[in-house]
Structure formats: C-alpha cells, structure tokens
Amino acid sequence: MNNAAIRTLTLTLTLATLAFVSACETAPPVQEMSDARQAIAVAKEAGAAEKAAIHLKAAEVYLESAEKKLNDRQYSQARRDAKQAKMKALDALKATESPSESAEDDDK
C-alpha cells in the first residue's frame, strides 16, 4: 500500500468510528427511560409514597425532566436524567425497607 491508500483507509476508519460513537450518543435512551419508570413503579408498590416521599418525588421530577428532554431530542441529557430518576427511585425503595421501619412494625 502506498501512503495515499493508507491515509484514505485511516480517514475512513476514523470517520466510521466517529459515526458509530455519534449514533450511540444520539439514540434515544429507551432502556434508561424504561428502567426509571419500572423503578418508580416498584418503589410506589413498596409504599414509598408514604415512607420515602421526598426520594420518590425527586425520582418523578427527574423522570419528567428526562421525558421533556427526550421530546426535545436532547438524548444525552434525557439519558442522564433517566438514570438519576432510577437512582432516586431505588433510594426510595431502600428507604421503605429500612430496618427502623421493620423494628417499629415488630413492636406493634
């Protein structure tokens, strides 16, 4: 191979890599949105509305923000907010399962 062919091949591979990376970042965060919705639903079923309302509300706010950003095609920001929603929902779920709650139930 001559130098021109090597440069062309290198440029082609670089552009293909950039296109692949860009496609990954510009794809809608479908899985992250689903994960967040499911985590919120599980937290609600576990009683987070009563036992961990602050965490649950934060999760719902993050999810709402993610949905708005998704509609605006701001996929990176939507992905970030969806992940935050899931984490807050998991915090809410954890708070509903805290030992102090169980101990109070045992005393009754």
Protein backbone atom coordinates (compact mmCIF):
# COMPACT_ATOMS: atom_id res chain seq x y z
CA MET A 1 0.00 0.00 0.00
CA ASN A 2 1.18 3.44 -0.76
CA ASN A 3 0.91 6.42 1.60
CA ALA A 4 -2.22 7.80 -0.08
CA ALA A 5 -4.05 4.48 0.34
CA ILE A 6 -3.02 4.26 3.99
CA ARG A 7 -4.22 7.81 4.64
CA THR A 8 -7.51 7.09 2.91
CA LEU A 9 -8.00 3.90 4.93
CA THR A 10 -7.13 5.68 8.18
CA LEU A 11 -9.51 8.53 7.40
CA THR A 12 -12.29 6.08 6.50
CA LEU A 13 -11.83 4.13 9.73
CA THR A 14 -11.74 7.32 11.78
CA LEU A 15 -14.95 8.60 10.20
CA ALA A 16 -16.65 5.24 10.66
CA THR A 17 -15.66 5.21 14.34
CA LEU A 18 -16.94 8.76 14.83
CA ALA A 19 -20.21 7.88 13.10
CA PHE A 20 -20.64 4.84 15.35
CA VAL A 21 -19.93 6.82 18.52
CA SER A 22 -22.24 9.62 17.41
CA ALA A 23 -25.02 7.15 16.65
CA CYS A 24 -24.72 5.70 20.14
CA GLU A 25 -24.99 9.12 21.74
CA THR A 26 -27.82 10.33 19.53
CA ALA A 27 -30.01 7.28 20.01
CA PRO A 28 -32.98 7.84 22.31
CA PRO A 29 -32.42 6.45 25.82
CA VAL A 30 -35.23 3.91 25.57
CA GLN A 31 -33.78 1.42 28.05
CA GLU A 32 -32.90 4.07 30.62
CA MET A 33 -36.40 5.56 30.43
CA SER A 34 -37.94 2.12 30.89
CA ASP A 35 -35.64 1.32 33.81
CA ALA A 36 -36.58 4.59 35.53
CA ARG A 37 -40.32 4.02 35.06
CA GLN A 38 -40.08 0.48 36.39
CA ALA A 39 -38.02 1.54 39.41
CA ILE A 40 -40.55 4.24 40.25
CA ALA A 41 -43.43 1.77 39.92
CA VAL A 42 -41.71 -0.73 42.22
CA ALA A 43 -40.96 2.00 44.79
CA LYS A 44 -44.62 3.08 44.75
CA GLU A 45 -45.77 -0.52 45.21
CA ALA A 46 -43.44 -0.82 48.20
CA GLY A 47 -45.05 2.18 49.87
CA ALA A 48 -42.54 4.87 49.02
CA ALA A 49 -45.29 7.49 48.69
CA GLU A 50 -45.77 7.24 52.46
CA LYS A 51 -42.35 6.16 53.71
CA ALA A 52 -39.97 7.93 51.30
CA ALA A 53 -41.98 10.69 49.66
CA ILE A 54 -39.00 13.00 49.18
CA HIS A 55 -36.98 10.42 47.25
CA LEU A 56 -39.99 9.34 45.22
CA LYS A 57 -40.88 12.93 44.30
CA ALA A 58 -37.27 13.55 43.21
CA ALA A 59 -37.41 10.44 41.02
CA GLU A 60 -40.63 11.64 39.42
CA VAL A 61 -39.18 15.11 38.81
CA TYR A 62 -36.10 13.61 37.14
CA LEU A 63 -38.27 11.35 35.01
CA GLU A 64 -40.45 14.28 33.93
CA SER A 65 -37.32 16.22 33.01
CA ALA A 66 -36.00 13.24 31.05
CA GLU A 67 -39.28 12.98 29.15
CA LYS A 68 -39.16 16.68 28.22
CA LYS A 69 -35.56 16.38 27.06
CA LEU A 70 -36.41 13.23 25.12
CA ASN A 71 -39.18 15.12 23.32
CA ASP A 72 -36.68 17.90 22.54
CA ARG A 73 -34.24 15.28 21.19
CA GLN A 74 -31.68 16.12 23.87
CA TYR A 75 -30.86 12.47 24.27
CA SER A 76 -27.70 12.77 26.32
CA GLN A 77 -29.40 14.97 28.91
CA ALA A 78 -32.50 12.74 28.85
CA ARG A 79 -30.32 9.69 29.50
CA ARG A 80 -28.63 11.41 32.43
CA ASP A 81 -31.95 12.44 33.99
CA ALA A 82 -33.47 9.00 33.45
CA LYS A 83 -30.51 7.43 35.27
CA GLN A 84 -30.96 9.93 38.11
CA ALA A 85 -34.67 9.08 38.27
CA LYS A 86 -33.84 5.41 38.60
CA MET A 87 -31.29 6.08 41.34
CA LYS A 88 -33.75 8.23 43.32
CA ALA A 89 -36.44 5.58 42.93
CA LEU A 90 -34.01 2.97 44.24
CA ASP A 91 -33.22 5.29 47.17
CA ALA A 92 -36.95 5.50 47.86
CA LEU A 93 -37.27 1.73 47.69
CA LYS A 94 -34.33 1.29 50.05
CA ALA A 95 -35.89 3.75 52.49
CA THR A 96 -39.09 1.70 52.56
CA GLU A 97 -37.06 -1.36 53.52
CA SER A 98 -35.00 0.29 56.25
CA PRO A 99 -34.54 -1.70 59.48
CA SER A 100 -36.01 1.09 61.61
CA GLU A 101 -39.35 0.64 59.84
CA SER A 102 -39.25 -3.12 60.38
CA ALA A 103 -38.37 -2.71 64.05
CA GLU A 104 -41.33 -0.40 64.57
CA ASP A 105 -43.61 -2.96 62.94
CA ASP A 106 -42.25 -5.72 65.19
CA ASP A 107 -43.01 -3.66 68.31
CA LYS A 108 -46.69 -3.38 67.40
